[in-house]
Protein backbone atom coordinates (compact mmCIF):
# COMPACT_ATOMS: atom_id res chain seq x y z
CA MET A 1 92.24 113.24 118.32
CA ARG A 2 89.26 112.86 116.04
CA ARG A 3 89.55 109.31 114.65
CA ALA A 4 91.75 106.40 113.67
CA ILE A 5 91.88 106.12 109.88
CA ASP A 6 93.57 102.71 110.02
CA GLY A 7 96.25 100.92 112.02
CA ASP A 8 98.96 103.50 111.43
CA THR A 9 97.20 106.77 110.59
CA ILE A 10 95.02 109.11 112.64
CA GLU A 11 93.13 112.35 112.03
CA LEU A 12 93.48 115.16 114.55
CA THR A 13 90.51 117.34 115.50
CA ASP A 14 91.85 120.11 113.25
CA GLY A 15 91.78 117.75 110.23
CA ARG A 16 95.52 117.12 109.97
CA LEU A 17 96.52 113.53 109.25
CA VAL A 18 99.31 111.85 111.22
CA ARG A 19 101.16 108.81 109.85
CA TYR A 20 102.85 106.77 112.59
CA LEU A 21 106.62 106.69 112.26
CA GLY A 22 108.50 103.41 112.25
CA ILE A 23 105.60 101.02 111.67
CA ASP A 24 103.45 99.64 108.89
CA ALA A 25 100.07 98.13 109.75
CA PRO A 26 98.04 96.01 107.33
CA GLU A 27 95.79 98.08 105.07
CA VAL A 28 92.00 98.12 105.24
CA ARG A 29 91.25 100.04 102.02
CA ARG A 30 92.64 100.26 98.51
CA ARG A 31 92.12 102.49 95.50
CA ALA A 32 89.84 101.09 92.81
CA GLY A 33 89.64 103.54 89.96
CA GLY A 34 88.92 106.92 91.51
CA THR A 35 87.47 105.66 94.77
CA TRP A 36 88.54 103.89 97.97
CA VAL A 37 87.04 100.47 98.65
CA LEU A 38 87.08 98.33 101.77
CA ASP A 39 89.43 95.42 101.06
CA PRO A 40 91.24 94.61 104.31
CA GLU A 41 94.53 92.76 104.34
CA PRO A 42 94.83 90.03 107.01
CA MET A 43 94.81 91.66 110.46
CA GLY A 44 94.00 95.09 108.95
CA LEU A 45 90.67 95.42 110.75
CA GLU A 46 92.24 94.23 114.02
CA ALA A 47 95.06 96.79 113.70
CA THR A 48 92.56 99.57 112.99
CA GLU A 49 90.42 98.58 115.98
CA ALA A 50 93.46 98.39 118.29
CA ASN A 51 94.58 101.84 117.13
CA ARG A 52 91.06 103.18 117.68
CA ARG A 53 90.97 101.82 121.24
CA LEU A 54 94.40 103.26 121.98
CA VAL A 55 93.90 106.81 120.74
CA GLU A 56 90.43 107.69 119.49
CA GLY A 57 88.82 110.57 121.38
CA ARG A 58 91.87 111.04 123.58
CA ARG A 59 94.46 113.75 123.81
CA VAL A 60 97.63 112.68 122.03
CA ARG A 61 101.17 113.98 122.11
CA LEU A 62 103.25 113.91 118.95
CA GLU A 63 107.00 113.38 118.91
CA TYR A 64 108.74 114.15 115.65
CA ASP A 65 111.96 112.70 114.28
CA ALA A 66 114.31 114.14 111.64
CA ARG A 67 111.59 114.60 108.99
CA SER A 68 108.11 115.68 110.11
CA ARG A 69 106.07 115.38 106.87
CA ASP A 70 105.74 112.81 104.11
CA ARG A 71 105.27 113.41 100.38
CA PHE A 72 101.49 113.52 100.91
CA GLY A 73 101.76 116.32 103.48
CA ARG A 74 100.83 114.10 106.43
CA LEU A 75 102.59 114.67 109.74
CA LEU A 76 105.05 111.89 110.63
CA ALA A 77 105.20 111.22 114.37
CA TYR A 78 105.52 108.89 117.31
CA VAL A 79 102.08 109.15 118.92
CA TYR A 80 101.59 109.04 122.69
CA VAL A 81 98.52 108.73 124.88
CA GLY A 82 99.80 109.34 128.39
CA ASP A 83 102.80 107.06 128.87
CA THR A 84 101.89 104.72 126.01
CA MET A 85 103.49 105.13 122.57
CA ALA A 86 100.83 103.84 120.15
CA ASN A 87 103.45 102.96 117.50
CA ALA A 88 105.26 100.64 119.95
CA GLU A 89 102.04 99.16 121.36
CA LEU A 90 100.84 98.12 117.88
CA LEU A 91 104.18 96.38 117.31
CA ARG A 92 103.95 94.67 120.72
CA LEU A 93 100.48 93.37 119.86
CA GLY A 94 101.77 91.98 116.55
CA LEU A 95 99.46 94.29 114.58
CA ALA A 96 102.21 96.15 112.70
CA ARG A 97 105.68 95.55 111.32
CA PRO A 98 108.68 97.86 111.71
CA LEU A 99 109.04 100.20 108.75
CA ILE A 100 112.14 102.31 109.26
CA LEU A 101 112.64 105.01 106.64
CA PRO A 102 115.81 107.03 107.32
CA PRO A 103 116.38 109.65 108.45
CA ASN A 104 113.47 108.82 110.81
CA ALA A 105 115.08 105.97 112.72
CA LYS A 106 115.13 107.10 116.35
CA TYR A 107 113.48 103.97 117.77
CA GLU A 108 114.62 101.43 115.15
CA GLU A 109 116.25 99.00 117.60
CA HIS A 110 113.40 99.22 120.10
CA PHE A 111 110.78 98.67 117.39
CA ARG A 112 112.64 95.67 115.98
CA ARG A 113 112.87 94.11 119.46
CA LEU A 114 109.12 94.58 120.02
CA ALA A 115 108.29 93.01 116.64
CA ASP A 116 110.68 90.10 117.25
CA GLU A 117 109.04 89.44 120.63
CA ALA A 118 105.53 89.58 119.10
CA GLN A 119 106.63 87.09 116.46
CA ARG A 120 108.22 84.76 119.04
CA GLN A 121 105.03 84.92 121.14
CA GLY A 122 102.77 84.37 118.09
CA ARG A 123 100.80 87.58 118.64
CA GLY A 124 98.57 89.25 116.05
CA MET A 125 99.74 88.70 112.49
CA TRP A 126 102.30 86.20 113.81
CA GLY A 127 99.73 83.66 114.99
CA ARG A 128 97.81 83.98 118.25
CA ARG A 129 95.15 86.65 118.08
CA VAL A 130 95.43 89.39 120.68
CA ARG A 131 92.21 91.18 121.54
CA ALA A 132 92.39 94.88 120.73
CA SER A 133 91.00 95.45 124.21
CA GLU A 134 94.08 93.90 125.86
CA PRO A 135 95.46 96.64 128.11
CA PRO A 136 98.55 98.45 126.82
CA ARG A 137 101.84 97.94 128.55
CA ARG A 138 103.41 100.91 130.22
CA ASP A 139 106.81 100.33 128.59
CA GLY A 140 105.66 101.35 125.11
CA GLY A 141 108.92 103.20 124.50
CA PRO A 142 112.32 103.57 126.02
CA ALA A 143 112.76 106.00 128.92
CA GLU A 144 114.33 108.49 126.53
CA ALA A 145 111.02 108.76 124.69
CA GLY A 146 110.16 111.76 126.84
CA SER A 147 106.85 110.26 127.87
CA GLY A 148 105.62 112.05 130.93
CA PRO A 149 102.78 111.61 133.37
CA GLY A 150 99.15 111.76 132.36
CA PRO A 151 97.34 112.55 129.12
CA GLN A 152 98.06 116.29 129.12
CA PRO A 153 100.40 117.74 126.48
CA ILE A 154 103.98 117.33 127.57
CA PRO A 155 106.89 119.45 126.37
CA ALA A 156 109.24 117.68 123.99
CA ALA A 157 112.40 116.06 125.28
CA ALA A 158 115.60 117.85 124.37
CA GLY A 159 116.24 117.61 120.65
CA THR A 160 112.65 116.73 119.68
CA SER A 161 109.67 118.74 118.56
CA GLY A 162 106.63 117.45 120.42
CA THR A 163 103.17 118.92 120.46
CA GLY A 164 100.00 118.10 122.28
CA ALA A 165 97.22 117.49 119.79
CA ASP A 166 93.56 116.61 120.11
């Protein structure tokens, strides 16, 4: 994985962009005329930094849902580093909201539970600030997520198309 673009998008080493499925993190940039300018929404920089600490420079595994590309050509995926699903961890930290766009709804209930818990606990955008360096929990996704041991690429669970990506 080359770099975190923001709280819900990464760039792989081969230049492909991956938009995280099921979440929406606050933005850090906006279009002004023909250029992008830094204009972070509240918690946008924190979400970007948390995403960076989770995935930047590490080997990631992508799990696809029903639709694997958006209208901009970006890959749409659940992103794993080892046993941690980054999408779920950002929700747990209160640095993203669920954004379920059918037909990609595999983890809808799980994501809503994580966001509800973050809100109840006042984490991230819901109140109490959580340091991006807070260690990720190991239960970033349900057991069915197909997350396996270690940071090496792991074959997809039955019915999914997963790939290891740098």
